[in-house]
Amino acid sequence: MQLSNDDIKHIATLSRLELAEDEVEKYRGHLVSILNYIDKLAEVDTEGVPEMAVVSGSLNVWRTDEAQICDSSERDSIIDSFPRKEGILMEVPAVFEGRTE
């Protein structure tokens, strides 16, 4: 499979990644390699092999959702690292554009 540099830049945009020009070629090589491997897997005859949701037989292990307290220096470091903030409020990019809920 072939991917152009424009394809890689588009995928990076969708992934919310900023790539330098020298990184575009590097990641193009990685993605082409991954997609070629997927093509190779598609050639495997799976006729008669039952579908499986979990290969290992293990089940999801859920933990309770509990707040974890961190010290003020760690909290301040996290807030300082955010590019868009106002006071202690941090703005993150929308995940779902155009949602009204």
Protein backbone atom coordinates (compact mmCIF):
# COMPACT_ATOMS: atom_id res chain seq x y z
CA MET A 1 0.00 0.00 0.00
CA GLN A 2 1.23 3.46 -0.80
CA LEU A 3 0.59 6.58 1.26
CA SER A 4 1.51 10.07 0.18
CA ASN A 5 2.93 12.70 2.51
CA ASP A 6 -0.45 14.46 2.25
CA ASP A 7 -2.13 11.24 3.49
CA ILE A 8 0.19 11.18 6.50
CA LYS A 9 -0.45 14.85 7.25
CA HIS A 10 -4.21 14.22 7.04
CA ILE A 11 -3.97 11.22 9.40
CA ALA A 12 -1.87 13.32 11.79
CA THR A 13 -4.50 16.07 11.74
CA LEU A 14 -7.25 13.55 12.49
CA SER A 15 -5.10 12.21 15.35
CA ARG A 16 -4.45 15.75 16.60
CA LEU A 17 -0.71 15.32 16.11
CA GLU A 18 1.68 17.97 14.90
CA LEU A 19 4.44 16.46 12.76
CA ALA A 20 7.58 18.20 11.57
CA GLU A 21 8.43 17.67 7.89
CA ASP A 22 11.17 15.15 8.74
CA GLU A 23 8.71 13.14 10.86
CA VAL A 24 6.21 12.82 7.99
CA GLU A 25 8.51 10.52 6.01
CA LYS A 26 9.38 8.49 9.12
CA TYR A 27 5.74 7.88 10.01
CA ARG A 28 4.83 7.21 6.38
CA GLY A 29 7.27 4.29 6.45
CA HIS A 30 5.82 3.00 9.74
CA LEU A 31 2.20 3.22 8.56
CA VAL A 32 2.95 1.60 5.19
CA SER A 33 4.65 -1.27 7.03
CA ILE A 34 1.66 -1.73 9.35
CA LEU A 35 -0.86 -1.62 6.49
CA ASN A 36 1.19 -4.11 4.47
CA TYR A 37 1.17 -6.47 7.45
CA ILE A 38 -2.61 -6.12 7.73
CA ASP A 39 -2.89 -6.97 4.02
CA LYS A 40 -0.78 -10.08 4.66
CA LEU A 41 -3.07 -11.10 7.55
CA ALA A 42 -6.08 -10.69 5.25
CA GLU A 43 -4.63 -13.47 3.06
CA VAL A 44 -4.88 -16.03 5.89
CA ASP A 45 -7.65 -18.58 5.38
CA THR A 46 -9.97 -18.27 8.38
CA GLU A 47 -12.78 -20.38 6.92
CA GLY A 48 -14.29 -22.49 9.69
CA VAL A 49 -12.50 -20.63 12.48
CA PRO A 50 -15.06 -19.38 15.01
CA GLU A 51 -15.12 -15.70 15.86
CA MET A 52 -13.79 -14.83 19.28
CA ALA A 53 -14.30 -11.71 21.34
CA VAL A 54 -11.67 -12.67 23.93
CA VAL A 55 -8.73 -14.88 23.04
CA SER A 56 -7.25 -15.37 26.50
CA GLY A 57 -10.48 -16.30 28.27
CA SER A 58 -10.07 -13.44 30.72
CA LEU A 59 -12.84 -10.99 31.40
CA ASN A 60 -12.80 -7.25 31.96
CA VAL A 61 -11.82 -6.36 35.48
CA TRP A 62 -13.44 -3.14 36.55
CA ARG A 63 -12.21 -0.94 39.34
CA THR A 64 -14.22 1.68 41.14
CA ASP A 65 -13.88 5.17 39.74
CA GLU A 66 -12.22 7.09 42.55
CA ALA A 67 -10.49 10.45 42.54
CA GLN A 68 -6.77 10.25 43.20
CA ILE A 69 -5.30 13.06 45.22
CA CYS A 70 -2.00 14.54 44.03
CA ASP A 71 0.18 17.09 45.73
CA SER A 72 -0.12 20.75 44.77
CA SER A 73 3.21 20.85 42.89
CA GLU A 74 2.11 17.99 40.61
CA ARG A 75 -1.29 19.66 40.08
CA ASP A 76 0.36 23.00 39.26
CA SER A 77 2.75 21.27 36.84
CA ILE A 78 -0.18 19.67 34.99
CA ILE A 79 -2.08 22.96 34.77
CA ASP A 80 1.07 24.83 33.63
CA SER A 81 1.61 22.32 30.81
CA PHE A 82 -1.80 23.00 29.24
CA PRO A 83 -1.60 25.34 26.25
CA ARG A 84 -5.10 26.78 26.74
CA LYS A 85 -6.07 27.62 30.28
CA GLU A 86 -7.66 30.30 32.38
CA GLY A 87 -6.67 30.17 36.02
CA ILE A 88 -7.07 26.52 37.04
CA LEU A 89 -9.52 25.77 34.23
CA MET A 90 -8.08 23.84 31.28
CA GLU A 91 -9.65 23.86 27.82
CA VAL A 92 -9.35 20.68 25.75
CA PRO A 93 -10.24 20.30 22.07
CA ALA A 94 -13.73 19.03 21.28
CA VAL A 95 -13.80 15.32 20.51
CA PHE A 96 -17.16 15.29 18.76
CA GLU A 97 -17.69 18.31 16.55
CA GLY A 98 -21.25 19.59 16.21
CA ARG A 99 -22.77 17.70 19.16
CA THR A 100 -25.64 19.48 20.82
CA GLU A 101 -25.86 17.36 23.96
